[in-house]
Amino acid sequence: MTQIATVERILDDTHVEISVPRKSACGHDCEECAGCGVSGVSVYAKALNTVGAKPGEKVVVESDTKKMLKIVSFVYLIPVVLFLAGYLVMLAVTASVAVQYTVAVLGAVVGVLLAVWYDRRVKARGGLSFTIIRVF
């Protein structure tokens, strides 16, 4: 996966801090909506500086697509799957709708907690790795 980023500062001889503009599914047509509140927000990350980019320069960065998909699956899919699994198991076990929904919501909460745990684990291991492939 490639994205355009801005070099913020040099960390050491081979790494820099970059800011990557956050994307959303709406395409940021803010004149029409202005409802998400994400406008102008950037994510800061460490990147391998293979091209000698300097602070302030726009660069093209590449990240590991496999690792990105793993993160996305934890954040989005696991809570939904656990919600549905909790609901379907309780549907087979009991006729009480309150119990079915309670267990389903608990499944979703467990999924969110797993996503938070995984996020912290990824950050502790250095986060998502980026490599600068060229100056823009």
N, C-alpha and C. Protein backbone atom coordinates (compact mmCIF):
# COMPACT_ATOMS: atom_id res chain seq x y z
N MET A 1 0.85 -1.16 0.00
CA MET A 1 0.00 0.00 0.00
C MET A 1 0.90 1.23 0.00
N THR A 2 0.64 2.16 -0.91
CA THR A 2 1.43 3.40 -0.96
C THR A 2 0.55 4.59 -0.60
N GLN A 3 1.17 5.57 0.04
CA GLN A 3 0.48 6.80 0.44
C GLN A 3 1.44 7.96 0.32
N ILE A 4 0.89 9.16 0.29
CA ILE A 4 1.72 10.36 0.30
C ILE A 4 1.78 10.87 1.73
N ALA A 5 2.98 11.22 2.18
CA ALA A 5 3.20 11.67 3.55
C ALA A 5 4.13 12.88 3.53
N THR A 6 4.26 13.51 4.68
CA THR A 6 5.18 14.63 4.85
C THR A 6 6.21 14.24 5.91
N VAL A 7 7.48 14.49 5.61
CA VAL A 7 8.54 14.23 6.58
C VAL A 7 8.48 15.32 7.63
N GLU A 8 8.34 14.94 8.89
CA GLU A 8 8.24 15.90 10.00
C GLU A 8 9.60 16.20 10.63
N ARG A 9 10.36 15.14 10.93
CA ARG A 9 11.67 15.33 11.54
C ARG A 9 12.53 14.09 11.35
N ILE A 10 13.82 14.29 11.46
CA ILE A 10 14.77 13.19 11.34
C ILE A 10 14.96 12.56 12.71
N LEU A 11 14.83 11.23 12.80
CA LEU A 11 14.99 10.53 14.07
C LEU A 11 16.42 10.02 14.26
N ASP A 12 16.99 9.45 13.21
CA ASP A 12 18.38 8.99 13.24
C ASP A 12 18.88 8.94 11.79
N ASP A 13 19.99 8.28 11.56
CA ASP A 13 20.59 8.25 10.23
C ASP A 13 19.70 7.58 9.18
N THR A 14 18.87 6.64 9.60
CA THR A 14 18.08 5.87 8.63
C THR A 14 16.57 6.01 8.78
N HIS A 15 16.10 6.73 9.82
CA HIS A 15 14.66 6.83 10.06
C HIS A 15 14.21 8.28 10.23
N VAL A 16 12.98 8.54 9.82
CA VAL A 16 12.36 9.85 9.99
C VAL A 16 10.95 9.65 10.56
N GLU A 17 10.41 10.72 11.12
CA GLU A 17 9.01 10.71 11.53
C GLU A 17 8.21 11.33 10.39
N ILE A 18 7.13 10.66 9.98
CA ILE A 18 6.29 11.18 8.91
C ILE A 18 4.88 11.43 9.43
N SER A 19 4.16 12.30 8.75
CA SER A 19 2.73 12.47 9.04
C SER A 19 1.96 12.06 7.79
N VAL A 20 1.02 11.16 8.00
CA VAL A 20 0.20 10.65 6.91
C VAL A 20 -1.22 11.15 7.13
N PRO A 21 -1.80 11.88 6.16
CA PRO A 21 -3.18 12.35 6.33
C PRO A 21 -4.14 11.18 6.49
N ARG A 22 -5.02 11.28 7.45
CA ARG A 22 -6.00 10.22 7.70
C ARG A 22 -7.06 10.25 6.61
N LYS A 23 -7.39 9.08 6.09
CA LYS A 23 -8.41 8.95 5.05
C LYS A 23 -9.70 8.43 5.67
N SER A 24 -10.81 8.71 5.01
CA SER A 24 -12.09 8.16 5.45
C SER A 24 -12.87 7.67 4.25
N ALA A 25 -13.90 6.91 4.51
CA ALA A 25 -14.69 6.34 3.43
C ALA A 25 -15.51 7.39 2.69
N CYS A 26 -15.75 8.54 3.31
CA CYS A 26 -16.60 9.55 2.69
C CYS A 26 -15.88 10.36 1.63
N GLY A 27 -14.55 10.28 1.58
CA GLY A 27 -13.79 11.04 0.58
C GLY A 27 -13.58 12.49 0.98
N HIS A 28 -13.97 12.86 2.18
CA HIS A 28 -13.79 14.20 2.72
C HIS A 28 -14.38 15.31 1.86
N ASP A 29 -15.63 15.12 1.46
CA ASP A 29 -16.35 16.19 0.77
C ASP A 29 -16.99 17.04 1.87
N CYS A 30 -16.14 17.77 2.61
CA CYS A 30 -16.55 18.45 3.84
C CYS A 30 -17.55 19.58 3.61
N GLU A 31 -17.57 20.15 2.41
CA GLU A 31 -18.54 21.21 2.14
C GLU A 31 -19.96 20.66 2.18
N GLU A 32 -20.10 19.38 1.84
CA GLU A 32 -21.41 18.73 1.82
C GLU A 32 -21.81 18.18 3.18
N CYS A 33 -20.85 17.72 3.96
CA CYS A 33 -21.19 16.99 5.17
C CYS A 33 -20.74 17.68 6.45
N ALA A 34 -19.44 17.78 6.64
CA ALA A 34 -18.82 18.35 7.85
C ALA A 34 -19.24 17.61 9.11
N GLY A 35 -19.56 16.34 8.99
CA GLY A 35 -20.04 15.60 10.14
C GLY A 35 -19.03 14.70 10.82
N CYS A 36 -17.92 14.39 10.16
CA CYS A 36 -17.02 13.39 10.73
C CYS A 36 -16.00 13.98 11.70
N GLY A 37 -15.61 15.20 11.52
CA GLY A 37 -14.63 15.81 12.41
C GLY A 37 -13.21 15.32 12.20
N VAL A 38 -12.93 14.65 11.08
CA VAL A 38 -11.61 14.09 10.82
C VAL A 38 -10.76 15.03 9.97
N SER A 39 -11.34 16.05 9.45
CA SER A 39 -10.65 16.94 8.52
C SER A 39 -9.33 17.46 9.09
N GLY A 40 -8.25 17.25 8.34
CA GLY A 40 -6.95 17.78 8.73
C GLY A 40 -6.18 16.95 9.74
N VAL A 41 -6.72 15.80 10.16
CA VAL A 41 -6.06 14.97 11.15
C VAL A 41 -5.01 14.10 10.46
N SER A 42 -3.84 13.99 11.08
CA SER A 42 -2.77 13.16 10.52
C SER A 42 -2.34 12.11 11.53
N VAL A 43 -1.81 11.01 11.02
CA VAL A 43 -1.24 9.96 11.83
C VAL A 43 0.27 10.08 11.72
N TYR A 44 0.96 10.04 12.84
CA TYR A 44 2.42 10.15 12.86
C TYR A 44 3.03 8.76 13.00
N ALA A 45 4.06 8.49 12.21
CA ALA A 45 4.68 7.17 12.22
C ALA A 45 6.17 7.29 11.91
N LYS A 46 6.88 6.21 12.19
CA LYS A 46 8.30 6.12 11.89
C LYS A 46 8.45 5.48 10.52
N ALA A 47 9.38 6.00 9.72
CA ALA A 47 9.59 5.45 8.37
C ALA A 47 11.08 5.28 8.10
N LEU A 48 11.39 4.24 7.37
CA LEU A 48 12.76 4.01 6.92
C LEU A 48 13.04 4.97 5.77
N ASN A 49 14.07 5.79 5.93
CA ASN A 49 14.39 6.83 4.96
C ASN A 49 15.47 6.33 4.01
N THR A 50 15.05 5.67 2.93
CA THR A 50 16.00 5.10 1.96
C THR A 50 16.44 6.09 0.90
N VAL A 51 15.78 7.26 0.83
CA VAL A 51 16.07 8.22 -0.25
C VAL A 51 16.67 9.52 0.27
N GLY A 52 16.92 9.63 1.57
CA GLY A 52 17.52 10.84 2.12
C GLY A 52 16.58 12.03 2.16
N ALA A 53 15.30 11.79 2.41
CA ALA A 53 14.31 12.87 2.47
C ALA A 53 14.58 13.76 3.68
N LYS A 54 14.22 15.04 3.55
CA LYS A 54 14.46 16.03 4.59
C LYS A 54 13.12 16.55 5.14
N PRO A 55 13.13 17.09 6.35
CA PRO A 55 11.89 17.62 6.94
C PRO A 55 11.19 18.62 6.01
N GLY A 56 9.87 18.48 5.93
CA GLY A 56 9.07 19.36 5.10
C GLY A 56 8.79 18.82 3.71
N GLU A 57 9.53 17.80 3.28
CA GLU A 57 9.34 17.26 1.94
C GLU A 57 8.15 16.29 1.91
N LYS A 58 7.44 16.30 0.80
CA LYS A 58 6.38 15.32 0.55
C LYS A 58 7.04 14.08 -0.03
N VAL A 59 6.65 12.92 0.46
CA VAL A 59 7.25 11.67 0.02
C VAL A 59 6.16 10.62 -0.24
N VAL A 60 6.51 9.63 -1.02
CA VAL A 60 5.64 8.47 -1.22
C VAL A 60 6.16 7.38 -0.31
N VAL A 61 5.29 6.86 0.55
CA VAL A 61 5.68 5.81 1.48
C VAL A 61 4.93 4.54 1.16
N GLU A 62 5.55 3.42 1.49
CA GLU A 62 4.96 2.12 1.25
C GLU A 62 4.89 1.37 2.58
N SER A 63 3.79 0.67 2.80
CA SER A 63 3.65 -0.13 4.01
C SER A 63 3.29 -1.56 3.62
N ASP A 64 3.47 -2.47 4.55
CA ASP A 64 3.19 -3.87 4.32
C ASP A 64 1.68 -4.09 4.28
N THR A 65 1.14 -4.43 3.12
CA THR A 65 -0.30 -4.61 2.95
C THR A 65 -0.82 -5.75 3.82
N LYS A 66 -0.07 -6.83 3.94
CA LYS A 66 -0.49 -7.98 4.74
C LYS A 66 -0.68 -7.58 6.21
N LYS A 67 0.28 -6.81 6.73
CA LYS A 67 0.19 -6.37 8.12
C LYS A 67 -0.99 -5.41 8.30
N MET A 68 -1.21 -4.53 7.31
CA MET A 68 -2.32 -3.59 7.37
C MET A 68 -3.66 -4.33 7.38
N LEU A 69 -3.82 -5.34 6.56
CA LEU A 69 -5.06 -6.11 6.53
C LEU A 69 -5.29 -6.86 7.83
N LYS A 70 -4.23 -7.32 8.45
CA LYS A 70 -4.35 -7.99 9.75
C LYS A 70 -4.87 -7.03 10.81
N ILE A 71 -4.35 -5.82 10.80
CA ILE A 71 -4.81 -4.80 11.75
C ILE A 71 -6.27 -4.45 11.50
N VAL A 72 -6.62 -4.26 10.24
CA VAL A 72 -8.01 -3.92 9.89
C VAL A 72 -8.96 -5.04 10.31
N SER A 73 -8.55 -6.29 10.12
CA SER A 73 -9.43 -7.39 10.51
C SER A 73 -9.66 -7.41 12.02
N PHE A 74 -8.63 -7.13 12.79
CA PHE A 74 -8.81 -7.09 14.23
C PHE A 74 -9.73 -5.95 14.65
N VAL A 75 -9.54 -4.80 14.06
CA VAL A 75 -10.30 -3.63 14.48
C VAL A 75 -11.77 -3.72 14.06
N TYR A 76 -12.04 -4.22 12.87
CA TYR A 76 -13.41 -4.20 12.36
C TYR A 76 -14.11 -5.55 12.41
N LEU A 77 -13.45 -6.61 12.00
CA LEU A 77 -14.13 -7.90 11.86
C LEU A 77 -14.33 -8.64 13.18
N ILE A 78 -13.34 -8.69 14.03
CA ILE A 78 -13.43 -9.48 15.25
C ILE A 78 -14.60 -9.05 16.13
N PRO A 79 -14.83 -7.75 16.40
CA PRO A 79 -16.00 -7.38 17.21
C PRO A 79 -17.32 -7.81 16.57
N VAL A 80 -17.44 -7.69 15.26
CA VAL A 80 -18.68 -8.07 14.58
C VAL A 80 -18.87 -9.58 14.64
N VAL A 81 -17.81 -10.34 14.38
CA VAL A 81 -17.90 -11.80 14.42
C VAL A 81 -18.27 -12.27 15.83
N LEU A 82 -17.66 -11.70 16.86
CA LEU A 82 -17.98 -12.11 18.23
C LEU A 82 -19.40 -11.70 18.62
N PHE A 83 -19.86 -10.55 18.12
CA PHE A 83 -21.26 -10.15 18.36
C PHE A 83 -22.21 -11.19 17.77
N LEU A 84 -21.99 -11.53 16.49
CA LEU A 84 -22.87 -12.50 15.83
C LEU A 84 -22.76 -13.89 16.46
N ALA A 85 -21.55 -14.30 16.81
CA ALA A 85 -21.38 -15.62 17.43
C ALA A 85 -22.11 -15.68 18.77
N GLY A 86 -21.98 -14.65 19.58
CA GLY A 86 -22.68 -14.61 20.86
C GLY A 86 -24.18 -14.68 20.69
N TYR A 87 -24.68 -13.94 19.72
CA TYR A 87 -26.13 -13.93 19.47
C TYR A 87 -26.61 -15.30 18.99
N LEU A 88 -25.91 -15.88 18.02
CA LEU A 88 -26.35 -17.15 17.44
C LEU A 88 -26.26 -18.30 18.44
N VAL A 89 -25.21 -18.32 19.26
CA VAL A 89 -25.10 -19.37 20.29
C VAL A 89 -26.25 -19.24 21.28
N MET A 90 -26.53 -18.05 21.73
CA MET A 90 -27.62 -17.86 22.69
C MET A 90 -28.99 -18.10 22.06
N LEU A 91 -29.11 -17.85 20.78
CA LEU A 91 -30.36 -18.14 20.07
C LEU A 91 -30.66 -19.63 20.12
N ALA A 92 -29.61 -20.45 20.02
CA ALA A 92 -29.78 -21.90 20.07
C ALA A 92 -30.00 -22.41 21.49
N VAL A 93 -29.53 -21.66 22.49
CA VAL A 93 -29.57 -22.12 23.87
C VAL A 93 -30.83 -21.66 24.61
N THR A 94 -31.24 -20.41 24.38
CA THR A 94 -32.34 -19.85 25.16
C THR A 94 -33.30 -19.05 24.27
N ALA A 95 -34.53 -18.94 24.74
CA ALA A 95 -35.53 -18.16 24.01
C ALA A 95 -35.58 -16.71 24.51
N SER A 96 -34.83 -16.39 25.55
CA SER A 96 -34.84 -15.05 26.13
C SER A 96 -34.07 -14.08 25.23
N VAL A 97 -34.80 -13.13 24.70
CA VAL A 97 -34.19 -12.14 23.81
C VAL A 97 -33.20 -11.26 24.59
N ALA A 98 -33.51 -10.98 25.84
CA ALA A 98 -32.62 -10.16 26.66
C ALA A 98 -31.26 -10.85 26.83
N VAL A 99 -31.26 -12.13 27.08
CA VAL A 99 -30.01 -12.89 27.24
C VAL A 99 -29.27 -12.93 25.91
N GLN A 100 -29.99 -13.15 24.81
CA GLN A 100 -29.36 -13.21 23.49
C GLN A 100 -28.62 -11.91 23.19
N TYR A 101 -29.29 -10.78 23.39
CA TYR A 101 -28.66 -9.48 23.10
C TYR A 101 -27.55 -9.14 24.08
N THR A 102 -27.73 -9.52 25.33
CA THR A 102 -26.69 -9.24 26.33
C THR A 102 -25.39 -9.97 25.98
N VAL A 103 -25.50 -11.24 25.65
CA VAL A 103 -24.31 -12.01 25.30
C VAL A 103 -23.71 -11.49 23.99
N ALA A 104 -24.55 -11.09 23.05
CA ALA A 104 -24.06 -10.54 21.78
C ALA A 104 -23.26 -9.26 22.02
N VAL A 105 -23.78 -8.38 22.86
CA VAL A 105 -23.08 -7.13 23.17
C VAL A 105 -21.79 -7.43 23.92
N LEU A 106 -21.82 -8.39 24.84
CA LEU A 106 -20.59 -8.77 25.55
C LEU A 106 -19.54 -9.31 24.57
N GLY A 107 -19.99 -10.05 23.57
CA GLY A 107 -19.07 -10.54 22.53
C GLY A 107 -18.43 -9.38 21.78
N ALA A 108 -19.21 -8.37 21.43
CA ALA A 108 -18.67 -7.20 20.74
C ALA A 108 -17.69 -6.45 21.63
N VAL A 109 -18.00 -6.33 22.92
CA VAL A 109 -17.10 -5.65 23.86
C VAL A 109 -15.78 -6.41 23.96
N VAL A 110 -15.85 -7.73 24.04
CA VAL A 110 -14.63 -8.54 24.07
C VAL A 110 -13.82 -8.31 22.79
N GLY A 111 -14.51 -8.22 21.65
CA GLY A 111 -13.84 -7.95 20.38
C GLY A 111 -13.13 -6.61 20.37
N VAL A 112 -13.76 -5.59 20.92
CA VAL A 112 -13.15 -4.26 21.00
C VAL A 112 -11.94 -4.31 21.93
N LEU A 113 -12.06 -5.01 23.06
CA LEU A 113 -10.93 -5.13 23.98
C LEU A 113 -9.76 -5.86 23.32
N LEU A 114 -10.06 -6.90 22.53
CA LEU A 114 -9.01 -7.58 21.78
C LEU A 114 -8.34 -6.65 20.77
N ALA A 115 -9.13 -5.80 20.13
CA ALA A 115 -8.57 -4.85 19.17
C ALA A 115 -7.65 -3.84 19.87
N VAL A 116 -8.05 -3.36 21.04
CA VAL A 116 -7.22 -2.43 21.80
C VAL A 116 -5.93 -3.12 22.23
N TRP A 117 -6.04 -4.36 22.71
CA TRP A 117 -4.85 -5.12 23.10
C TRP A 117 -3.90 -5.29 21.92
N TYR A 118 -4.44 -5.66 20.77
CA TYR A 118 -3.61 -5.87 19.58
C TYR A 118 -2.96 -4.57 19.13
N ASP A 119 -3.69 -3.46 19.20
CA ASP A 119 -3.13 -2.16 18.83
C ASP A 119 -1.94 -1.81 19.72
N ARG A 120 -2.09 -2.02 21.01
CA ARG A 120 -0.98 -1.74 21.94
C ARG A 120 0.21 -2.65 21.68
N ARG A 121 -0.07 -3.90 21.33
CA ARG A 121 1.00 -4.85 21.03
C ARG A 121 1.76 -4.43 19.77
N VAL A 122 1.03 -4.02 18.75
CA VAL A 122 1.66 -3.56 17.50
C VAL A 122 2.49 -2.32 17.76
N LYS A 123 1.96 -1.37 18.54
CA LYS A 123 2.71 -0.15 18.87
C LYS A 123 3.97 -0.46 19.67
N ALA A 124 3.89 -1.40 20.60
CA ALA A 124 5.05 -1.77 21.41
C ALA A 124 6.15 -2.40 20.56
N ARG A 125 5.76 -3.02 19.47
CA ARG A 125 6.73 -3.64 18.57
C ARG A 125 7.18 -2.70 17.45
N GLY A 126 6.88 -1.43 17.59
CA GLY A 126 7.34 -0.45 16.61
C GLY A 126 6.27 0.05 15.67
N GLY A 127 5.06 -0.44 15.79
CA GLY A 127 3.97 0.03 14.96
C GLY A 127 4.05 -0.48 13.53
N LEU A 128 3.21 0.06 12.71
CA LEU A 128 3.21 -0.28 11.30
C LEU A 128 4.43 0.34 10.65
N SER A 129 5.18 -0.46 9.91
CA SER A 129 6.41 0.05 9.33
C SER A 129 6.18 0.63 7.94
N PHE A 130 6.78 1.78 7.72
CA PHE A 130 6.72 2.46 6.43
C PHE A 130 8.13 2.57 5.86
N THR A 131 8.21 2.59 4.56
CA THR A 131 9.48 2.81 3.86
C THR A 131 9.25 3.91 2.84
N ILE A 132 10.12 4.93 2.85
CA ILE A 132 10.02 5.99 1.86
C ILE A 132 10.61 5.45 0.56
N ILE A 133 9.80 5.49 -0.51
CA ILE A 133 10.29 4.95 -1.79
C ILE A 133 10.70 6.04 -2.77
N ARG A 134 10.19 7.27 -2.57
CA ARG A 134 10.66 8.39 -3.40
C ARG A 134 10.13 9.70 -2.85
N VAL A 135 10.83 10.79 -3.20
CA VAL A 135 10.38 12.12 -2.84
C VAL A 135 9.34 12.55 -3.87
N PHE A 136 8.26 13.14 -3.41
CA PHE A 136 7.14 13.50 -4.27
C PHE A 136 7.39 14.80 -4.98
